[in-house]
Protein backbone atom coordinates (compact mmCIF):
# COMPACT_ATOMS: atom_id res chain seq x y z
CA MET A 1 -86.00 -33.95 18.18
CA LEU A 2 -83.73 -36.73 17.01
CA HIS A 3 -84.72 -38.67 13.90
CA GLU A 4 -84.31 -42.39 13.24
CA ASP A 5 -81.01 -41.82 11.44
CA ASP A 6 -79.75 -39.81 14.40
CA LEU A 7 -80.66 -42.59 16.82
CA GLN A 8 -78.75 -45.06 14.67
CA SER A 9 -75.75 -42.73 14.77
CA VAL A 10 -75.95 -42.64 18.57
CA GLN A 11 -76.01 -46.45 18.69
CA ARG A 12 -73.11 -46.59 16.24
CA LEU A 13 -71.06 -44.22 18.39
CA ASN A 14 -71.80 -46.23 21.51
CA GLU A 15 -70.70 -49.46 19.81
CA ALA A 16 -67.61 -47.77 18.37
CA TYR A 17 -66.68 -46.38 21.80
CA LYS A 18 -66.78 -49.87 23.31
CA GLN A 19 -64.63 -51.23 20.47
CA ILE A 20 -62.14 -48.36 20.76
CA THR A 21 -61.69 -48.81 24.51
CA THR A 22 -61.22 -52.55 23.98
CA GLU A 23 -58.52 -51.93 21.36
CA ILE A 24 -56.71 -49.35 23.48
CA SER A 25 -56.78 -51.67 26.51
CA LYS A 26 -54.64 -54.12 24.53
CA VAL A 27 -51.76 -51.69 25.04
CA ILE A 28 -52.77 -49.36 27.88
CA VAL A 29 -53.45 -50.89 31.29
CA GLY A 30 -56.10 -49.11 33.35
CA GLN A 31 -56.57 -45.35 32.88
CA SER A 32 -60.20 -45.94 31.89
CA GLN A 33 -61.30 -42.51 33.08
CA VAL A 34 -58.50 -40.81 31.13
CA ILE A 35 -59.46 -42.70 27.96
CA GLU A 36 -63.13 -41.83 28.43
CA GLU A 37 -62.32 -38.13 28.86
CA LEU A 38 -60.13 -38.21 25.75
CA MET A 39 -62.92 -39.82 23.74
CA VAL A 40 -65.52 -37.37 25.05
CA ALA A 41 -63.38 -34.37 24.07
CA MET A 42 -62.52 -35.74 20.64
CA PHE A 43 -66.08 -36.59 19.64
CA ALA A 44 -67.14 -33.15 20.91
CA ARG A 45 -64.45 -31.80 18.54
CA GLY A 46 -62.36 -30.35 21.38
CA HIS A 47 -58.67 -30.36 22.28
CA CYS A 48 -57.08 -31.95 25.36
CA LEU A 49 -54.19 -31.13 27.66
CA LEU A 50 -52.88 -34.22 29.47
CA VAL A 51 -50.98 -33.49 32.68
CA GLY A 52 -49.03 -36.15 34.54
CA VAL A 53 -45.57 -37.11 35.72
CA PRO A 54 -43.19 -38.85 33.27
CA GLY A 55 -43.60 -42.54 32.57
CA LEU A 56 -47.40 -42.78 32.72
CA ALA A 57 -47.74 -43.58 28.99
CA LYS A 58 -49.37 -40.28 28.02
CA THR A 59 -47.65 -40.24 24.63
CA LEU A 60 -48.34 -43.93 24.01
CA MET A 61 -51.99 -43.47 24.95
CA ILE A 62 -52.45 -40.67 22.41
CA ARG A 63 -50.74 -42.77 19.74
CA CYS A 64 -53.06 -45.69 20.51
CA VAL A 65 -56.11 -43.42 20.27
CA ALA A 66 -54.99 -42.20 16.84
CA ASP A 67 -54.41 -45.79 15.68
CA ALA A 68 -57.79 -46.98 16.99
CA LEU A 69 -59.49 -44.12 15.16
CA SER A 70 -57.46 -44.62 11.98
CA LEU A 71 -56.34 -40.98 11.92
CA ASP A 72 -53.21 -39.35 10.56
CA PHE A 73 -50.89 -38.73 13.50
CA ASN A 74 -47.91 -36.42 13.97
CA ARG A 75 -45.83 -35.90 17.06
CA ILE A 76 -44.18 -32.55 17.70
CA GLN A 77 -41.54 -32.55 20.42
CA PHE A 78 -41.61 -29.06 21.92
CA THR A 79 -38.14 -27.77 22.77
CA PRO A 80 -36.76 -24.30 23.69
CA ASP A 81 -35.36 -23.80 20.17
CA LEU A 82 -38.53 -24.80 18.29
CA MET A 83 -39.75 -22.07 15.92
CA PRO A 84 -43.36 -21.40 14.76
CA SER A 85 -42.46 -22.35 11.19
CA ASP A 86 -41.28 -25.74 12.48
CA ILE A 87 -44.92 -26.38 13.37
CA THR A 88 -46.99 -24.62 10.73
CA GLY A 89 -44.68 -25.03 7.72
CA THR A 90 -42.83 -22.52 5.58
CA GLU A 91 -42.55 -21.16 2.06
CA VAL A 92 -39.53 -22.07 -0.06
CA ILE A 93 -38.38 -20.81 -3.44
CA GLN A 94 -38.76 -23.41 -6.14
CA GLU A 95 -37.40 -23.09 -9.69
CA ASP A 96 -39.26 -24.36 -12.73
CA LYS A 97 -36.50 -26.13 -14.68
CA SER A 98 -38.33 -25.82 -17.99
CA THR A 99 -38.81 -22.04 -17.83
CA GLY A 100 -36.27 -20.96 -15.27
CA GLU A 101 -38.96 -19.07 -13.36
CA ARG A 102 -38.92 -19.09 -9.60
CA HIS A 103 -41.94 -19.09 -7.36
CA PHE A 104 -42.80 -19.69 -3.72
CA ARG A 105 -44.16 -23.05 -2.65
CA PHE A 106 -45.63 -23.80 0.75
CA LEU A 107 -44.32 -26.90 2.51
CA ASN A 108 -46.74 -28.29 5.08
CA GLY A 109 -45.50 -28.50 8.64
CA PRO A 110 -46.25 -31.39 11.02
CA ILE A 111 -49.45 -29.66 12.13
CA PHE A 112 -51.13 -30.92 8.95
CA ALA A 113 -52.52 -34.12 10.43
CA ASN A 114 -55.73 -35.24 12.16
CA VAL A 115 -54.14 -35.80 15.57
CA ILE A 116 -51.27 -33.62 16.76
CA LEU A 117 -49.34 -34.72 19.82
CA ALA A 118 -47.80 -31.55 21.26
CA ASP A 119 -45.35 -33.28 23.56
CA GLU A 120 -44.23 -31.24 26.59
CA ILE A 121 -45.91 -28.11 25.27
CA ASN A 122 -44.63 -26.00 28.16
CA ARG A 123 -40.99 -26.50 27.12
CA THR A 124 -41.15 -24.08 24.20
CA PRO A 125 -41.33 -20.25 24.34
CA PRO A 126 -44.68 -18.39 24.07
CA LYS A 127 -44.04 -17.35 20.46
CA THR A 128 -44.01 -20.98 19.37
CA GLN A 129 -46.84 -21.98 21.72
CA ALA A 130 -48.95 -19.26 20.09
CA ALA A 131 -48.45 -20.88 16.68
CA LEU A 132 -51.06 -23.42 17.80
CA LEU A 133 -53.69 -20.82 18.70
CA GLU A 134 -55.06 -20.17 15.22
CA ALA A 135 -54.92 -23.87 14.39
CA MET A 136 -56.87 -24.84 17.52
CA GLN A 137 -59.53 -22.17 17.11
CA GLU A 138 -59.90 -21.77 13.35
CA HIS A 139 -58.57 -25.12 12.06
CA GLN A 140 -56.25 -23.27 9.71
CA VAL A 141 -52.81 -21.65 9.66
CA THR A 142 -51.77 -18.40 8.00
CA VAL A 143 -48.31 -18.20 6.43
CA ALA A 144 -47.15 -15.19 4.39
CA GLY A 145 -50.72 -13.92 4.26
CA GLN A 146 -52.09 -17.16 2.81
CA ARG A 147 -54.54 -19.34 4.73
CA HIS A 148 -54.05 -23.09 4.68
CA VAL A 149 -56.91 -25.27 5.89
CA LEU A 150 -56.05 -28.16 8.21
CA PRO A 151 -57.40 -31.70 7.80
CA ASP A 152 -60.82 -32.55 9.21
CA PRO A 153 -61.17 -33.72 11.93
CA PHE A 154 -58.34 -31.93 13.74
CA PHE A 155 -57.32 -32.47 17.35
CA VAL A 156 -54.47 -31.09 19.44
CA LEU A 157 -53.58 -33.44 22.30
CA ALA A 158 -50.85 -31.83 24.36
CA THR A 159 -48.86 -33.23 27.27
CA GLN A 160 -47.34 -31.37 30.17
CA ASN A 161 -45.13 -32.38 33.09
CA PRO A 162 -46.42 -30.84 36.35
CA ILE A 163 -43.27 -31.32 38.43
CA GLU A 164 -40.51 -29.84 36.27
CA GLN A 165 -40.70 -26.03 36.31
CA GLU A 166 -37.10 -25.18 35.46
CA GLY A 167 -36.70 -24.19 31.82
CA THR A 168 -40.44 -24.27 31.14
CA TYR A 169 -42.90 -21.67 29.87
CA PRO A 170 -46.36 -22.01 31.43
CA LEU A 171 -49.19 -21.69 28.94
CA PRO A 172 -51.02 -18.35 29.16
CA GLU A 173 -54.60 -18.50 30.40
CA ALA A 174 -55.94 -17.49 26.97
CA GLN A 175 -54.33 -20.55 25.43
CA LEU A 176 -55.28 -22.86 28.30
CA ASP A 177 -58.89 -21.81 27.70
CA ARG A 178 -58.67 -23.20 24.14
CA PHE A 179 -58.30 -26.71 25.56
CA MET A 180 -61.70 -28.25 26.19
CA PHE A 181 -60.35 -30.62 28.85
CA GLN A 182 -57.35 -30.73 31.11
CA VAL A 183 -57.02 -34.43 31.85
CA TRP A 184 -55.12 -35.53 34.93
CA VAL A 185 -53.14 -38.76 34.39
CA ASP A 186 -52.49 -40.38 37.76
CA TYR A 187 -50.33 -43.29 38.88
CA PRO A 188 -51.75 -46.80 38.27
CA ASP A 189 -52.74 -48.91 41.25
CA GLU A 190 -50.60 -51.86 42.33
CA ASP A 191 -52.35 -54.53 40.24
CA GLU A 192 -52.31 -52.32 37.14
CA GLU A 193 -48.64 -51.51 37.60
CA PHE A 194 -47.88 -55.22 37.99
CA GLU A 195 -49.67 -55.92 34.70
CA ILE A 196 -47.75 -53.05 33.04
CA VAL A 197 -44.43 -54.56 34.13
CA LYS A 198 -45.42 -58.01 32.82
CA ARG A 199 -46.56 -56.69 29.44
CA THR A 200 -43.67 -54.33 28.79
CA THR A 201 -40.94 -56.80 29.73
CA SER A 202 -42.14 -59.64 27.51
CA ASP A 203 -41.63 -60.24 23.81
CA VAL A 204 -45.23 -59.70 22.75
CA GLU A 205 -46.36 -57.27 20.06
CA VAL A 206 -49.93 -56.02 20.05
CA GLN A 207 -51.69 -54.67 16.96
CA ILE A 208 -54.55 -52.20 17.33
CA THR A 209 -57.42 -52.68 14.89
CA PRO A 210 -58.83 -49.38 13.57
CA THR A 211 -62.49 -48.84 14.44
CA LEU A 212 -63.46 -45.57 12.74
CA ASN A 213 -61.86 -43.47 10.01
CA ALA A 214 -61.68 -39.69 9.63
CA GLU A 215 -64.83 -39.45 7.48
CA GLU A 216 -66.88 -41.51 9.93
CA ILE A 217 -65.67 -39.47 12.91
CA ALA A 218 -66.49 -36.19 11.18
CA SER A 219 -69.95 -37.50 10.28
CA LEU A 220 -70.83 -39.19 13.57
CA SER A 221 -69.58 -36.35 15.76
CA LYS A 222 -72.24 -34.08 14.25
CA ILE A 223 -74.82 -35.98 16.27
CA ILE A 224 -73.39 -34.58 19.52
CA ARG A 225 -74.89 -31.11 19.01
CA LYS A 226 -78.27 -32.61 18.08
CA VAL A 227 -78.69 -34.39 21.42
CA PRO A 228 -81.40 -32.61 23.43
CA ILE A 229 -80.68 -31.17 26.86
CA ALA A 230 -83.40 -29.99 29.22
CA ASP A 231 -83.27 -26.34 30.25
CA HIS A 232 -82.80 -27.13 33.95
CA VAL A 233 -79.81 -29.38 33.18
CA ALA A 234 -78.22 -26.74 30.96
CA ARG A 235 -78.82 -24.13 33.65
CA TYR A 236 -77.06 -26.38 36.18
CA ALA A 237 -73.97 -26.35 33.93
CA LEU A 238 -74.24 -22.57 33.65
CA GLN A 239 -74.44 -22.19 37.43
CA LEU A 240 -71.36 -24.34 37.99
CA ALA A 241 -69.35 -22.02 35.76
CA ARG A 242 -70.83 -18.81 37.18
CA HIS A 243 -70.40 -19.90 40.80
CA SER A 244 -66.67 -20.42 40.17
CA ARG A 245 -66.28 -16.63 39.97
CA PRO A 246 -65.39 -15.06 43.35
CA ASN A 247 -67.40 -11.88 42.67
CA HIS A 248 -70.62 -13.83 42.09
CA PRO A 249 -73.05 -13.39 45.02
CA ASP A 250 -73.84 -17.14 45.14
CA ALA A 251 -70.21 -18.30 44.94
CA PRO A 252 -69.37 -20.79 47.72
CA GLU A 253 -66.98 -19.76 50.47
CA VAL A 254 -64.09 -21.82 49.05
CA VAL A 255 -64.31 -19.87 45.78
CA LYS A 256 -64.34 -16.50 47.54
CA LYS A 257 -61.31 -17.47 49.62
CA CYS A 258 -59.20 -19.46 47.16
CA VAL A 259 -59.97 -18.19 43.65
CA THR A 260 -58.61 -15.08 41.93
CA TRP A 261 -60.88 -15.46 38.91
CA GLY A 262 -63.20 -18.18 37.72
CA ALA A 263 -64.31 -19.83 34.50
CA GLY A 264 -65.67 -17.86 31.55
CA PRO A 265 -68.56 -18.59 29.18
CA ARG A 266 -66.50 -21.12 27.20
CA ALA A 267 -66.60 -23.35 30.30
CA SER A 268 -70.42 -23.42 30.21
CA GLN A 269 -70.34 -24.35 26.53
CA TYR A 270 -67.84 -27.15 27.10
CA LEU A 271 -69.75 -28.48 30.11
CA VAL A 272 -72.83 -28.93 27.94
CA LEU A 273 -70.95 -30.26 24.90
CA GLY A 274 -68.92 -32.65 27.05
CA ALA A 275 -72.04 -33.89 28.81
CA LYS A 276 -73.77 -34.47 25.47
CA ALA A 277 -70.77 -36.40 24.13
CA ARG A 278 -70.52 -38.51 27.29
CA ALA A 279 -74.23 -39.35 27.14
CA VAL A 280 -73.96 -40.46 23.51
CA LEU A 281 -70.84 -42.55 24.10
CA HIS A 282 -72.73 -44.33 26.88
CA GLY A 283 -75.65 -44.99 24.54
CA ARG A 284 -78.10 -42.45 25.95
CA PHE A 285 -80.13 -40.00 23.88
CA TYR A 286 -80.48 -37.38 26.61
CA VAL A 287 -78.26 -35.51 29.07
CA SER A 288 -78.53 -35.83 32.84
CA HIS A 289 -76.94 -33.71 35.55
CA GLU A 290 -74.62 -36.65 36.31
CA ASP A 291 -73.08 -36.11 32.86
CA ILE A 292 -72.45 -32.46 33.73
CA GLU A 293 -70.77 -33.44 37.00
CA ALA A 294 -68.68 -36.12 35.28
CA VAL A 295 -67.04 -33.57 32.98
CA ALA A 296 -66.87 -30.73 35.53
CA LYS A 297 -63.32 -31.42 36.70
CA PRO A 298 -61.61 -31.69 33.29
CA VAL A 299 -63.52 -28.62 32.06
CA LEU A 300 -63.02 -26.38 35.11
CA ARG A 301 -59.71 -27.36 36.73
CA HIS A 302 -57.57 -25.29 34.33
CA ARG A 303 -60.04 -22.41 34.11
CA ILE A 304 -60.02 -21.60 37.84
CA LYS A 305 -57.10 -19.38 38.87
CA ARG A 306 -56.16 -20.15 42.45
CA ASN A 307 -54.59 -17.56 44.75
CA PHE A 308 -51.80 -17.70 47.33
CA PHE A 309 -54.22 -18.69 50.09
CA ALA A 310 -55.22 -21.80 48.13
CA ASP A 311 -51.55 -22.74 47.65
CA ALA A 312 -50.83 -22.21 51.34
CA GLU A 313 -53.80 -24.32 52.40
CA GLY A 314 -53.08 -27.04 49.82
CA VAL A 315 -56.40 -26.57 48.02
CA ASP A 316 -56.06 -27.74 44.42
CA GLY A 317 -58.35 -27.17 41.45
CA ASP A 318 -60.12 -30.51 41.83
CA GLY A 319 -60.86 -29.79 45.48
CA ILE A 320 -62.45 -26.47 44.53
CA VAL A 321 -64.55 -28.13 41.81
CA GLU A 322 -65.74 -30.82 44.25
CA GLN A 323 -66.87 -28.20 46.77
CA LEU A 324 -68.40 -26.19 43.94
CA ILE A 325 -70.55 -29.19 42.92
CA GLU A 326 -71.60 -29.77 46.54
CA ALA A 327 -72.59 -26.12 46.97
CA THR A 328 -74.48 -25.79 43.67
CA GLU A 329 -77.99 -27.16 43.99
CA PHE A 330 -79.46 -29.05 41.05
CA VAL A 331 -83.11 -28.04 40.66
CA SER A 332 -85.18 -30.59 38.75
CA ASP A 333 -88.24 -29.62 36.75
CA GLY A 334 -89.95 -32.89 37.63
CA ASN A 335 -89.11 -34.64 34.37
CA ASP A 336 -85.54 -35.63 35.30
CA SER A 337 -86.43 -39.22 36.02
CA GLY A 338 -84.17 -40.76 33.42
CA ASN A 339 -87.24 -41.68 31.39
CA GLU A 340 -85.98 -41.19 27.87
CA PRO A 341 -89.22 -40.32 26.01
CA GLU A 342 -90.19 -37.66 28.59
CA VAL A 343 -86.80 -36.04 28.25
CA PHE A 344 -87.27 -35.94 24.46
CA ARG A 345 -90.65 -34.29 24.80
CA SER A 346 -89.52 -31.71 27.35
CA ALA A 347 -86.17 -30.71 25.84
CA ASP A 348 -85.12 -28.62 22.88
CA ALA A 349 -82.37 -29.77 20.54
CA GLY A 350 -78.99 -28.46 21.63
């Protein structure tokens, strides 16, 4: 059960979300769904992989998010010659001039920031890509046997170009699974593109006003896990993940035909966490099945391995997720009316 302080935190997050989107819209035209998915992942303390063709302001969007949240920001441009130590940092020998003694000193790498933009993450070899694994999972790096804790909060927001495959190194599935969301950044519509052209070709500078700082984000994001979710809503999230596996007896036909393997347990966790974060950002103190469906695509699209038949038939990950949602029946327990107090009484804290 949420307490009065928790309810105030929910209201504060909802107000902050509206302010953040307003500030970001000063620079970024459109892309409201992308911004919402970024905010949901960050307040759920997850990492994001943004996929889109060049020129869609993916890098600028991440920079604006960091500015609006008043977080330390570092950009790492991933290249074929980038080494793990270029990311994590390295130890150097330093001499004490007064005594003449030499000792090792650790120099922080660019990963020591709140928001890390891993730009074009698939352009660097697997050895360097793997340097992010410990940081993303444990929020620390280990150099020369010594552990170094990263700042809190810590987010990896990576970008990837889906059309250039030459000279790239696709992320292994184990690392893709560490990203809570894979966010698809699409082309703007005609009116939005017209507004982009007008803004970017004029001599106008826009300043983003910070809304929250690192301490507030770390404190407020704790409310996400306290939001109650009814058992039948949580089970719906579980079924979406389980039905994405082709060997499951209740998997829909599209999964059995087009999927080599489906999402693991981490997908179920992220479906629930993402739904909780989305509910809070929209000012609600409970989770509905619409919240689960809203985060289903960014959670599942990179966790479903398609086969050659899917490629031949032009069935993409989003198409599979859409058919998965249609085929998975949501069974209500009778209390899913959207009536907030009933949901509080019938649900356990998540």
